[in-house]
Amino acid sequence: MIPAILDAPAPHEGTLRRLSDLLVRRHNLLVLILLVPPLLWLGMVYLGSLFVFLGQSIFSIDEFSGTIVREPTLATLAELFRPANFDILIRTVSIAAAVTLLCAIIGFPMAYYAARYAGPRAKAAFYLAVMMPLWSSYLVKIYGWKLLLAKEGAIGWIAGRLGLGPALEAWLALPLVGGPSLSVSYTGMVLVFTYLWLPFMILPMHAALERVPRSLIEAAGDLGASPGRTFRTVILPLALPGVVAGAIFTFSLTLGDYIVPQIIGTSALVLGQAVYTLQGTAGNIPLSAAFSLVPILVMALFLTLAKKTGAFDAL
């Protein structure tokens, strides 16, 4: 009788055991309990503050007093189509598109080599080389590139030694891409963005290329297809989801960045700088919120088109 009493579980142990059994039997309930706290935090802190900020776009600012007039109006959104503001949008989207295209052109051969030809050791070195730039500080990399791109920097020195100084000067003299030096030009800005976001393009492309069956490539060759035709009709269509997946990262990251244009680039504003300046120095929160709507709408359209290519399967 006494041993039976001693072996009986404590009341709280029995409750915990029943609760544990319930969670094991009902897996969905366990998942819900685990997800509710972070989702509440995300909803209240991030999404809540974001929607409150974006909601300011339907208000306007009194030009005389500088205070926000909290009466719903479309005047602030209409200001985005003023020439000066619309130029900011076009400039930002153009830079993001150029960076995405350049990342794809540079990254595809690297990803293709690693997926098709690299052995285990070479592949490990490839992953290390791609990921290593991500280990250093974002600002350190930008300021390092500013020194490289300066007029007296390493790139200018190498160009001079190779006899390419006049070609570089001629490029910098062009109206849209040039400037006093590479560190104060759209060319330098695109180069830095490309360096920063290239790993985000290479890795999805590499994952997509690894899933391309070798048998299809060999079959195309056996049927008489040239290497170029095999690339156009077999490899590229199957690897396209990986390219689009990488483009999601590079395009969106460039679209919202304001630090690189602040350090490297011309005095002309891009979208991130406009939002930063308007909500900070200028104090025009409604127009800042209206600008913030643009990348959200652009990326929503971009993701809708990307989903149709199967890009999310390559993430």
C-alpha atoms as a PDB file:
ATOM      1  CA  MET A   1       0.000   0.000   0.000  1.00  0.00           C
ATOM      2  CA  ILE A   2       2.742   2.458   0.969  1.00  0.00           C
ATOM      3  CA  PRO A   3       4.880   1.789  -2.206  1.00  0.00           C
ATOM      4  CA  ALA A   4       1.819   2.399  -4.373  1.00  0.00           C
ATOM      5  CA  ILE A   5       1.280   5.791  -2.743  1.00  0.00           C
ATOM      6  CA  LEU A   6       4.949   6.718  -3.183  1.00  0.00           C
ATOM      7  CA  ASP A   7       4.896   5.755  -6.891  1.00  0.00           C
ATOM      8  CA  ALA A   8       1.817   7.868  -7.685  1.00  0.00           C
ATOM      9  CA  PRO A   9       2.704  10.946  -9.844  1.00  0.00           C
ATOM     10  CA  ALA A  10       2.353  14.410  -8.315  1.00  0.00           C
ATOM     11  CA  PRO A  11      -0.744  16.349  -9.441  1.00  0.00           C
ATOM     12  CA  HIS A  12       1.266  18.879 -11.444  1.00  0.00           C
ATOM     13  CA  GLU A  13       3.206  16.087 -13.155  1.00  0.00           C
ATOM     14  CA  GLY A  14      -0.043  14.498 -14.247  1.00  0.00           C
ATOM     15  CA  THR A  15      -1.268  17.812 -15.672  1.00  0.00           C
ATOM     16  CA  LEU A  16       1.954  18.362 -17.593  1.00  0.00           C
ATOM     17  CA  ARG A  17       1.819  14.829 -18.945  1.00  0.00           C
ATOM     18  CA  ARG A  18      -1.762  15.252 -20.142  1.00  0.00           C
ATOM     19  CA  LEU A  19      -0.832  18.576 -21.751  1.00  0.00           C
ATOM     20  CA  SER A  20       2.180  16.976 -23.442  1.00  0.00           C
ATOM     21  CA  ASP A  21       0.037  14.130 -24.756  1.00  0.00           C
ATOM     22  CA  LEU A  22      -2.502  16.633 -26.075  1.00  0.00           C
ATOM     23  CA  LEU A  23       0.164  18.582 -27.970  1.00  0.00           C
ATOM     24  CA  VAL A  24       1.609  15.378 -29.411  1.00  0.00           C
ATOM     25  CA  ARG A  25      -1.810  14.246 -30.629  1.00  0.00           C
ATOM     26  CA  ARG A  26      -2.768  17.662 -32.005  1.00  0.00           C
ATOM     27  CA  HIS A  27       0.234  18.851 -33.972  1.00  0.00           C
ATOM     28  CA  ASN A  28      -1.618  21.874 -35.370  1.00  0.00           C
ATOM     29  CA  LEU A  29      -2.274  23.147 -31.859  1.00  0.00           C
ATOM     30  CA  LEU A  30       1.455  22.962 -31.054  1.00  0.00           C
ATOM     31  CA  VAL A  31       2.308  24.871 -34.218  1.00  0.00           C
ATOM     32  CA  LEU A  32      -0.307  27.500 -33.366  1.00  0.00           C
ATOM     33  CA  ILE A  33       1.084  27.986 -29.848  1.00  0.00           C
ATOM     34  CA  LEU A  34       4.601  28.381 -31.231  1.00  0.00           C
ATOM     35  CA  LEU A  35       3.593  30.837 -33.961  1.00  0.00           C
ATOM     36  CA  VAL A  36       1.169  33.084 -32.086  1.00  0.00           C
ATOM     37  CA  PRO A  37       3.768  35.071 -30.024  1.00  0.00           C
ATOM     38  CA  PRO A  38       6.071  35.986 -32.960  1.00  0.00           C
ATOM     39  CA  LEU A  39       3.086  36.686 -35.220  1.00  0.00           C
ATOM     40  CA  LEU A  40       1.560  38.998 -32.618  1.00  0.00           C
ATOM     41  CA  TRP A  41       4.892  40.784 -32.281  1.00  0.00           C
ATOM     42  CA  LEU A  42       5.210  41.079 -36.062  1.00  0.00           C
ATOM     43  CA  GLY A  43       1.627  42.261 -36.429  1.00  0.00           C
ATOM     44  CA  MET A  44       1.667  44.863 -33.672  1.00  0.00           C
ATOM     45  CA  VAL A  45       5.209  46.217 -33.875  1.00  0.00           C
ATOM     46  CA  TYR A  46       6.180  45.913 -37.541  1.00  0.00           C
ATOM     47  CA  LEU A  47       2.986  45.767 -39.584  1.00  0.00           C
ATOM     48  CA  GLY A  48       1.096  48.029 -37.191  1.00  0.00           C
ATOM     49  CA  SER A  49       3.714  50.774 -37.323  1.00  0.00           C
ATOM     50  CA  LEU A  50       4.083  50.319 -41.093  1.00  0.00           C
ATOM     51  CA  PHE A  51       0.359  50.735 -41.753  1.00  0.00           C
ATOM     52  CA  VAL A  52       0.177  53.735 -39.435  1.00  0.00           C
ATOM     53  CA  PHE A  53       3.041  55.335 -41.344  1.00  0.00           C
ATOM     54  CA  LEU A  54       1.626  54.503 -44.782  1.00  0.00           C
ATOM     55  CA  GLY A  55      -1.749  55.811 -43.677  1.00  0.00           C
ATOM     56  CA  GLN A  56      -0.190  59.272 -43.415  1.00  0.00           C
ATOM     57  CA  SER A  57      -0.033  59.363 -47.215  1.00  0.00           C
ATOM     58  CA  ILE A  58      -3.711  60.321 -47.452  1.00  0.00           C
ATOM     59  CA  PHE A  59      -3.042  63.463 -45.420  1.00  0.00           C
ATOM     60  CA  SER A  60      -1.294  66.656 -46.503  1.00  0.00           C
ATOM     61  CA  ILE A  61       1.028  69.189 -44.947  1.00  0.00           C
ATOM     62  CA  ASP A  62       0.303  72.849 -44.436  1.00  0.00           C
ATOM     63  CA  GLU A  63       2.977  74.730 -46.381  1.00  0.00           C
ATOM     64  CA  PHE A  64       2.716  77.778 -44.108  1.00  0.00           C
ATOM     65  CA  SER A  65       2.858  76.162 -40.655  1.00  0.00           C
ATOM     66  CA  GLY A  66       4.484  72.842 -41.595  1.00  0.00           C
ATOM     67  CA  THR A  67       1.866  70.879 -39.637  1.00  0.00           C
ATOM     68  CA  ILE A  68       0.022  67.833 -40.905  1.00  0.00           C
ATOM     69  CA  VAL A  69      -3.539  68.488 -42.049  1.00  0.00           C
ATOM     70  CA  ARG A  70      -5.418  65.333 -41.098  1.00  0.00           C
ATOM     71  CA  GLU A  71      -8.076  65.509 -43.755  1.00  0.00           C
ATOM     72  CA  PRO A  72      -8.157  62.702 -46.354  1.00  0.00           C
ATOM     73  CA  THR A  73      -6.900  63.880 -49.728  1.00  0.00           C
ATOM     74  CA  LEU A  74      -5.210  62.498 -52.829  1.00  0.00           C
ATOM     75  CA  ALA A  75      -3.111  65.625 -53.292  1.00  0.00           C
ATOM     76  CA  THR A  76      -0.071  64.101 -51.580  1.00  0.00           C
ATOM     77  CA  LEU A  77      -0.162  60.984 -53.778  1.00  0.00           C
ATOM     78  CA  ALA A  78      -0.564  63.212 -56.819  1.00  0.00           C
ATOM     79  CA  GLU A  79       2.671  64.994 -55.880  1.00  0.00           C
ATOM     80  CA  LEU A  80       4.565  61.812 -56.800  1.00  0.00           C
ATOM     81  CA  PHE A  81       3.863  62.635 -60.447  1.00  0.00           C
ATOM     82  CA  ARG A  82       5.472  66.050 -60.279  1.00  0.00           C
ATOM     83  CA  PRO A  83       8.574  66.062 -62.538  1.00  0.00           C
ATOM     84  CA  ALA A  84      11.094  66.301 -59.681  1.00  0.00           C
ATOM     85  CA  ASN A  85       9.477  63.489 -57.680  1.00  0.00           C
ATOM     86  CA  PHE A  86       8.751  61.301 -60.699  1.00  0.00           C
ATOM     87  CA  ASP A  87      12.413  61.574 -61.729  1.00  0.00           C
ATOM     88  CA  ILE A  88      13.363  60.096 -58.343  1.00  0.00           C
ATOM     89  CA  LEU A  89      11.111  57.095 -58.963  1.00  0.00           C
ATOM     90  CA  ILE A  90      12.393  56.508 -62.498  1.00  0.00           C
ATOM     91  CA  ARG A  91      16.011  56.924 -61.365  1.00  0.00           C
ATOM     92  CA  THR A  92      15.622  54.429 -58.531  1.00  0.00           C
ATOM     93  CA  VAL A  93      13.860  51.772 -60.608  1.00  0.00           C
ATOM     94  CA  SER A  94      16.439  52.188 -63.393  1.00  0.00           C
ATOM     95  CA  ILE A  95      19.353  51.714 -60.982  1.00  0.00           C
ATOM     96  CA  ALA A  96      17.674  48.676 -59.414  1.00  0.00           C
ATOM     97  CA  ALA A  97      17.082  47.159 -62.860  1.00  0.00           C
ATOM     98  CA  ALA A  98      20.690  47.818 -63.926  1.00  0.00           C
ATOM     99  CA  VAL A  99      22.053  46.227 -60.745  1.00  0.00           C
ATOM    100  CA  THR A 100      19.800  43.194 -61.184  1.00  0.00           C
ATOM    101  CA  LEU A 101      20.849  42.735 -64.813  1.00  0.00           C
ATOM    102  CA  LEU A 102      24.546  43.106 -63.982  1.00  0.00           C
ATOM    103  CA  CYS A 103      24.285  40.633 -61.092  1.00  0.00           C
ATOM    104  CA  ALA A 104      22.621  38.095 -63.387  1.00  0.00           C
ATOM    105  CA  ILE A 105      25.263  38.521 -66.105  1.00  0.00           C
ATOM    106  CA  ILE A 106      28.165  38.158 -63.650  1.00  0.00           C
ATOM    107  CA  GLY A 107      26.609  35.536 -61.414  1.00  0.00           C
ATOM    108  CA  PHE A 108      25.239  33.083 -63.977  1.00  0.00           C
ATOM    109  CA  PRO A 109      28.614  31.815 -65.303  1.00  0.00           C
ATOM    110  CA  MET A 110      29.886  31.419 -61.739  1.00  0.00           C
ATOM    111  CA  ALA A 111      26.787  29.518 -60.635  1.00  0.00           C
ATOM    112  CA  TYR A 112      26.842  27.387 -63.800  1.00  0.00           C
ATOM    113  CA  TYR A 113      30.475  26.392 -63.312  1.00  0.00           C
ATOM    114  CA  ALA A 114      29.894  25.481 -59.672  1.00  0.00           C
ATOM    115  CA  ALA A 115      26.788  23.446 -60.508  1.00  0.00           C
ATOM    116  CA  ARG A 116      28.159  21.598 -63.559  1.00  0.00           C
ATOM    117  CA  TYR A 117      31.932  21.285 -63.280  1.00  0.00           C
ATOM    118  CA  ALA A 118      33.145  21.999 -59.732  1.00  0.00           C
ATOM    119  CA  GLY A 119      34.197  19.061 -57.582  1.00  0.00           C
ATOM    120  CA  PRO A 120      33.476  18.783 -53.847  1.00  0.00           C
ATOM    121  CA  ARG A 121      36.502  20.846 -52.781  1.00  0.00           C
ATOM    122  CA  ALA A 122      36.020  23.450 -55.488  1.00  0.00           C
ATOM    123  CA  LYS A 123      32.339  23.712 -54.572  1.00  0.00           C
ATOM    124  CA  ALA A 124      33.209  24.241 -50.910  1.00  0.00           C
ATOM    125  CA  ALA A 125      35.656  26.974 -51.944  1.00  0.00           C
ATOM    126  CA  PHE A 126      32.941  28.468 -54.155  1.00  0.00           C
ATOM    127  CA  TYR A 127      30.461  28.681 -51.290  1.00  0.00           C
ATOM    128  CA  LEU A 128      33.139  30.190 -49.055  1.00  0.00           C
ATOM    129  CA  ALA A 129      34.071  32.795 -51.657  1.00  0.00           C
ATOM    130  CA  VAL A 130      30.423  33.751 -52.231  1.00  0.00           C
ATOM    131  CA  MET A 131      29.518  33.974 -48.557  1.00  0.00           C
ATOM    132  CA  MET A 132      32.690  35.611 -47.253  1.00  0.00           C
ATOM    133  CA  PRO A 133      31.764  39.183 -48.305  1.00  0.00           C
ATOM    134  CA  LEU A 134      28.607  38.866 -46.209  1.00  0.00           C
ATOM    135  CA  TRP A 135      30.696  38.365 -43.064  1.00  0.00           C
ATOM    136  CA  SER A 136      32.164  41.875 -43.080  1.00  0.00           C
ATOM    137  CA  SER A 137      30.427  45.073 -42.059  1.00  0.00           C
ATOM    138  CA  TYR A 138      28.112  46.715 -44.572  1.00  0.00           C
ATOM    139  CA  LEU A 139      29.570  50.180 -43.972  1.00  0.00           C
ATOM    140  CA  VAL A 140      33.167  48.933 -44.065  1.00  0.00           C
ATOM    141  CA  LYS A 141      32.553  47.480 -47.528  1.00  0.00           C
ATOM    142  CA  ILE A 142      30.981  50.702 -48.788  1.00  0.00           C
ATOM    143  CA  TYR A 143      33.797  52.921 -47.516  1.00  0.00           C
ATOM    144  CA  GLY A 144      36.332  50.452 -48.870  1.00  0.00           C
ATOM    145  CA  TRP A 145      34.750  50.765 -52.306  1.00  0.00           C
ATOM    146  CA  LYS A 146      34.696  54.552 -51.969  1.00  0.00           C
ATOM    147  CA  LEU A 147      38.488  54.490 -51.616  1.00  0.00           C
ATOM    148  CA  LEU A 148      38.823  52.128 -54.586  1.00  0.00           C
ATOM    149  CA  LEU A 149      36.592  54.289 -56.786  1.00  0.00           C
ATOM    150  CA  ALA A 150      38.125  57.631 -55.810  1.00  0.00           C
ATOM    151  CA  LYS A 151      39.979  59.607 -58.462  1.00  0.00           C
ATOM    152  CA  GLU A 152      43.310  58.682 -56.861  1.00  0.00           C
ATOM    153  CA  GLY A 153      42.088  55.179 -55.947  1.00  0.00           C
ATOM    154  CA  ALA A 154      43.272  51.754 -57.030  1.00  0.00           C
ATOM    155  CA  ILE A 155      40.850  51.424 -59.967  1.00  0.00           C
ATOM    156  CA  GLY A 156      41.940  54.739 -61.463  1.00  0.00           C
ATOM    157  CA  TRP A 157      45.598  53.822 -60.942  1.00  0.00           C
ATOM    158  CA  ILE A 158      45.182  50.428 -62.632  1.00  0.00           C
ATOM    159  CA  ALA A 159      43.298  52.018 -65.524  1.00  0.00           C
ATOM    160  CA  GLY A 160      46.137  54.493 -65.970  1.00  0.00           C
ATOM    161  CA  ARG A 161      48.796  51.773 -65.905  1.00  0.00           C
ATOM    162  CA  LEU A 162      46.899  49.787 -68.545  1.00  0.00           C
ATOM    163  CA  GLY A 163      46.496  52.825 -70.757  1.00  0.00           C
ATOM    164  CA  LEU A 164      42.754  52.985 -70.111  1.00  0.00           C
ATOM    165  CA  GLY A 165      42.827  56.384 -68.410  1.00  0.00           C
ATOM    166  CA  PRO A 166      41.415  58.278 -71.424  1.00  0.00           C
ATOM    167  CA  ALA A 167      38.639  55.690 -71.828  1.00  0.00           C
ATOM    168  CA  LEU A 168      37.713  56.062 -68.148  1.00  0.00           C
ATOM    169  CA  GLU A 169      37.694  59.858 -68.461  1.00  0.00           C
ATOM    170  CA  ALA A 170      35.505  59.617 -71.546  1.00  0.00           C
ATOM    171  CA  TRP A 171      33.075  57.344 -69.675  1.00  0.00           C
ATOM    172  CA  LEU A 172      32.925  59.737 -66.723  1.00  0.00           C
ATOM    173  CA  ALA A 173      32.200  62.592 -69.130  1.00  0.00           C
ATOM    174  CA  LEU A 174      28.942  60.947 -70.242  1.00  0.00           C
ATOM    175  CA  PRO A 175      25.880  62.822 -68.906  1.00  0.00           C
ATOM    176  CA  LEU A 176      23.906  60.008 -67.236  1.00  0.00           C
ATOM    177  CA  VAL A 177      26.504  57.535 -65.994  1.00  0.00           C
ATOM    178  CA  GLY A 178      29.487  59.822 -65.404  1.00  0.00           C
ATOM    179  CA  GLY A 179      30.652  62.294 -62.785  1.00  0.00           C
ATOM    180  CA  PRO A 180      33.805  63.858 -61.318  1.00  0.00           C
ATOM    181  CA  SER A 181      35.048  60.362 -60.392  1.00  0.00           C
ATOM    182  CA  LEU A 182      33.715  56.837 -60.110  1.00  0.00           C
ATOM    183  CA  SER A 183      33.006  57.443 -56.424  1.00  0.00           C
ATOM    184  CA  VAL A 184      30.651  60.297 -57.350  1.00  0.00           C
ATOM    185  CA  SER A 185      28.726  58.738 -60.224  1.00  0.00           C
ATOM    186  CA  TYR A 186      25.900  56.378 -61.026  1.00  0.00           C
ATOM    187  CA  THR A 187      28.471  53.947 -62.416  1.00  0.00           C
ATOM    188  CA  GLY A 188      30.173  53.696 -59.029  1.00  0.00           C
ATOM    189  CA  MET A 189      26.819  53.316 -57.298  1.00  0.00           C
ATOM    190  CA  VAL A 190      25.810  50.432 -59.575  1.00  0.00           C
ATOM    191  CA  LEU A 191      29.197  48.738 -59.093  1.00  0.00           C
ATOM    192  CA  VAL A 192      28.918  48.905 -55.308  1.00  0.00           C
ATOM    193  CA  PHE A 193      25.332  47.647 -55.309  1.00  0.00           C
ATOM    194  CA  THR A 194      26.380  44.799 -57.603  1.00  0.00           C
ATOM    195  CA  TYR A 195      29.179  43.800 -55.242  1.00  0.00           C
ATOM    196  CA  LEU A 196      26.906  43.936 -52.205  1.00  0.00           C
ATOM    197  CA  TRP A 197      23.999  41.931 -53.631  1.00  0.00           C
ATOM    198  CA  LEU A 198      25.817  39.505 -55.952  1.00  0.00           C
ATOM    199  CA  PRO A 199      25.723  36.609 -53.422  1.00  0.00           C
ATOM    200  CA  PHE A 200      21.939  36.924 -53.248  1.00  0.00           C
ATOM    201  CA  MET A 201      21.795  36.359 -57.008  1.00  0.00           C
ATOM    202  CA  ILE A 202      24.369  33.569 -57.248  1.00  0.00           C
ATOM    203  CA  LEU A 203      22.962  31.230 -54.598  1.00  0.00           C
ATOM    204  CA  PRO A 204      19.385  30.889 -56.002  1.00  0.00           C
ATOM    205  CA  MET A 205      20.773  30.484 -59.523  1.00  0.00           C
ATOM    206  CA  HIS A 206      23.176  27.798 -58.319  1.00  0.00           C
ATOM    207  CA  ALA A 207      20.322  25.946 -56.601  1.00  0.00           C
ATOM    208  CA  ALA A 208      18.230  26.078 -59.785  1.00  0.00           C
ATOM    209  CA  LEU A 209      21.101  24.965 -62.029  1.00  0.00           C
ATOM    210  CA  GLU A 210      21.859  22.005 -59.788  1.00  0.00           C
ATOM    211  CA  ARG A 211      18.310  20.784 -60.393  1.00  0.00           C
ATOM    212  CA  VAL A 212      18.747  20.808 -64.173  1.00  0.00           C
ATOM    213  CA  PRO A 213      19.046  17.098 -65.168  1.00  0.00           C
ATOM    214  CA  ARG A 214      22.316  16.332 -66.928  1.00  0.00           C
ATOM    215  CA  SER A 215      20.451  13.812 -69.060  1.00  0.00           C
ATOM    216  CA  LEU A 216      18.494  16.627 -70.748  1.00  0.00           C
ATOM    217  CA  ILE A 217      21.673  18.484 -71.643  1.00  0.00           C
ATOM    218  CA  GLU A 218      23.255  15.294 -72.977  1.00  0.00           C
ATOM    219  CA  ALA A 219      20.099  14.447 -74.923  1.00  0.00           C
ATOM    220  CA  ALA A 220      20.112  17.896 -76.552  1.00  0.00           C
ATOM    221  CA  GLY A 221      23.712  17.337 -77.623  1.00  0.00           C
ATOM    222  CA  ASP A 222      22.924  13.864 -78.947  1.00  0.00           C
ATOM    223  CA  LEU A 223      20.109  15.344 -81.050  1.00  0.00           C
ATOM    224  CA  GLY A 224      22.544  17.734 -82.682  1.00  0.00           C
ATOM    225  CA  ALA A 225      21.877  20.914 -80.720  1.00  0.00           C
ATOM    226  CA  SER A 226      24.819  23.291 -80.536  1.00  0.00           C
ATOM    227  CA  PRO A 227      26.013  24.477 -77.093  1.00  0.00           C
ATOM    228  CA  GLY A 228      24.344  27.836 -77.694  1.00  0.00           C
ATOM    229  CA  ARG A 229      21.031  26.292 -78.653  1.00  0.00           C
ATOM    230  CA  THR A 230      21.207  23.885 -75.702  1.00  0.00           C
ATOM    231  CA  PHE A 231      21.708  26.866 -73.417  1.00  0.00           C
ATOM    232  CA  ARG A 232      18.786  28.802 -74.919  1.00  0.00           C
ATOM    233  CA  THR A 233      16.281  25.946 -75.123  1.00  0.00           C
ATOM    234  CA  VAL A 234      17.196  23.699 -72.180  1.00  0.00           C
ATOM    235  CA  ILE A 235      19.413  25.284 -69.545  1.00  0.00           C
ATOM    236  CA  LEU A 236      18.090  28.846 -69.432  1.00  0.00           C
ATOM    237  CA  PRO A 237      14.359  27.976 -69.289  1.00  0.00           C
ATOM    238  CA  LEU A 238      14.974  25.502 -66.449  1.00  0.00           C
ATOM    239  CA  ALA A 239      17.281  27.909 -64.608  1.00  0.00           C
ATOM    240  CA  LEU A 240      14.997  30.933 -65.095  1.00  0.00           C
ATOM    241  CA  PRO A 241      13.176  30.463 -61.752  1.00  0.00           C
ATOM    242  CA  GLY A 242      16.543  30.754 -59.985  1.00  0.00           C
ATOM    243  CA  VAL A 243      17.406  33.909 -61.941  1.00  0.00           C
ATOM    244  CA  VAL A 244      14.065  35.483 -61.062  1.00  0.00           C
ATOM    245  CA  ALA A 245      14.443  34.422 -57.417  1.00  0.00           C
ATOM    246  CA  GLY A 246      17.816  36.162 -57.266  1.00  0.00           C
ATOM    247  CA  ALA A 247      16.324  39.186 -59.003  1.00  0.00           C
ATOM    248  CA  ILE A 248      13.747  39.463 -56.212  1.00  0.00           C
ATOM    249  CA  PHE A 249      16.568  39.987 -53.721  1.00  0.00           C
ATOM    250  CA  THR A 250      18.778  42.280 -55.787  1.00  0.00           C
ATOM    251  CA  PHE A 251      15.936  44.445 -57.101  1.00  0.00           C
ATOM    252  CA  SER A 252      14.195  44.883 -53.745  1.00  0.00           C
ATOM    253  CA  LEU A 253      17.409  45.520 -51.795  1.00  0.00           C
ATOM    254  CA  THR A 254      18.539  48.164 -54.282  1.00  0.00           C
ATOM    255  CA  LEU A 255      15.098  49.737 -54.422  1.00  0.00           C
ATOM    256  CA  GLY A 256      15.021  50.554 -50.710  1.00  0.00           C
ATOM    257  CA  ASP A 257      18.687  51.281 -49.942  1.00  0.00           C
ATOM    258  CA  TYR A 258      19.681  54.815 -49.055  1.00  0.00           C
ATOM    259  CA  ILE A 259      23.117  54.382 -47.466  1.00  0.00           C
ATOM    260  CA  VAL A 260      25.064  53.548 -50.641  1.00  0.00           C
ATOM    261  CA  PRO A 261      23.646  56.571 -52.560  1.00  0.00           C
ATOM    262  CA  GLN A 262      24.426  58.724 -49.523  1.00  0.00           C
ATOM    263  CA  ILE A 263      28.114  57.725 -49.556  1.00  0.00           C
ATOM    264  CA  ILE A 264      28.683  56.886 -53.228  1.00  0.00           C
ATOM    265  CA  GLY A 265      26.819  58.653 -55.968  1.00  0.00           C
ATOM    266  CA  THR A 266      25.718  62.055 -57.144  1.00  0.00           C
ATOM    267  CA  SER A 267      23.663  64.655 -55.330  1.00  0.00           C
ATOM    268  CA  ALA A 268      20.495  63.502 -57.127  1.00  0.00           C
ATOM    269  CA  LEU A 269      18.196  61.681 -54.725  1.00  0.00           C
ATOM    270  CA  VAL A 270      16.979  58.115 -54.987  1.00  0.00           C
ATOM    271  CA  LEU A 271      13.839  56.767 -53.362  1.00  0.00           C
ATOM    272  CA  GLY A 272      15.379  55.722 -50.050  1.00  0.00           C
ATOM    273  CA  GLN A 273      17.096  59.085 -49.653  1.00  0.00           C
ATOM    274  CA  ALA A 274      13.850  60.898 -50.435  1.00  0.00           C
ATOM    275  CA  VAL A 275      11.988  58.995 -47.707  1.00  0.00           C
ATOM    276  CA  TYR A 276      14.811  59.572 -45.227  1.00  0.00           C
ATOM    277  CA  THR A 277      15.057  63.283 -45.997  1.00  0.00           C
ATOM    278  CA  LEU A 278      11.324  63.978 -46.072  1.00  0.00           C
ATOM    279  CA  GLN A 279      10.532  62.280 -42.765  1.00  0.00           C
ATOM    280  CA  GLY A 280      13.657  63.648 -41.097  1.00  0.00           C
ATOM    281  CA  THR A 281      15.055  66.988 -42.214  1.00  0.00           C
ATOM    282  CA  ALA A 282      12.022  68.238 -44.143  1.00  0.00           C
ATOM    283  CA  GLY A 283       9.416  66.865 -41.746  1.00  0.00           C
ATOM    284  CA  ASN A 284       7.003  66.114 -44.597  1.00  0.00           C
ATOM    285  CA  ILE A 285       5.734  62.771 -43.308  1.00  0.00           C
ATOM    286  CA  PRO A 286       2.719  62.522 -45.689  1.00  0.00           C
ATOM    287  CA  LEU A 287       4.925  62.806 -48.795  1.00  0.00           C
ATOM    288  CA  SER A 288       7.476  60.470 -47.236  1.00  0.00           C
ATOM    289  CA  ALA A 289       4.725  57.895 -46.688  1.00  0.00           C
ATOM    290  CA  ALA A 290       3.553  58.354 -50.278  1.00  0.00           C
ATOM    291  CA  PHE A 291       7.080  57.633 -51.529  1.00  0.00           C
ATOM    292  CA  SER A 292       7.177  54.548 -49.294  1.00  0.00           C
ATOM    293  CA  LEU A 293       4.127  53.139 -51.052  1.00  0.00           C
ATOM    294  CA  VAL A 294       5.994  52.979 -54.355  1.00  0.00           C
ATOM    295  CA  PRO A 295       8.491  50.174 -53.564  1.00  0.00           C
ATOM    296  CA  ILE A 296       5.719  48.159 -51.936  1.00  0.00           C
ATOM    297  CA  LEU A 297       3.555  48.404 -55.064  1.00  0.00           C
ATOM    298  CA  VAL A 298       6.506  47.767 -57.385  1.00  0.00           C
ATOM    299  CA  MET A 299       7.597  44.679 -55.435  1.00  0.00           C
ATOM    300  CA  ALA A 300       4.011  43.412 -55.230  1.00  0.00           C
ATOM    301  CA  LEU A 301       3.842  43.540 -59.030  1.00  0.00           C
ATOM    302  CA  PHE A 302       7.318  42.027 -59.329  1.00  0.00           C
ATOM    303  CA  LEU A 303       6.468  39.141 -56.979  1.00  0.00           C
ATOM    304  CA  THR A 304       3.210  38.465 -58.811  1.00  0.00           C
ATOM    305  CA  LEU A 305       5.090  38.104 -62.089  1.00  0.00           C
ATOM    306  CA  ALA A 306       7.882  36.111 -60.410  1.00  0.00           C
ATOM    307  CA  LYS A 307       5.424  33.626 -58.950  1.00  0.00           C
ATOM    308  CA  LYS A 308       4.258  32.696 -62.430  1.00  0.00           C
ATOM    309  CA  THR A 309       7.817  31.644 -63.343  1.00  0.00           C
ATOM    310  CA  GLY A 310       8.095  29.291 -60.364  1.00  0.00           C
ATOM    311  CA  ALA A 311      10.775  31.489 -58.789  1.00  0.00           C
ATOM    312  CA  PHE A 312       9.644  30.726 -55.249  1.00  0.00           C
ATOM    313  CA  ASP A 313      10.641  27.079 -55.753  1.00  0.00           C
ATOM    314  CA  ALA A 314      14.256  28.217 -56.149  1.00  0.00           C
ATOM    315  CA  LEU A 315      14.401  30.215 -52.915  1.00  0.00           C
END
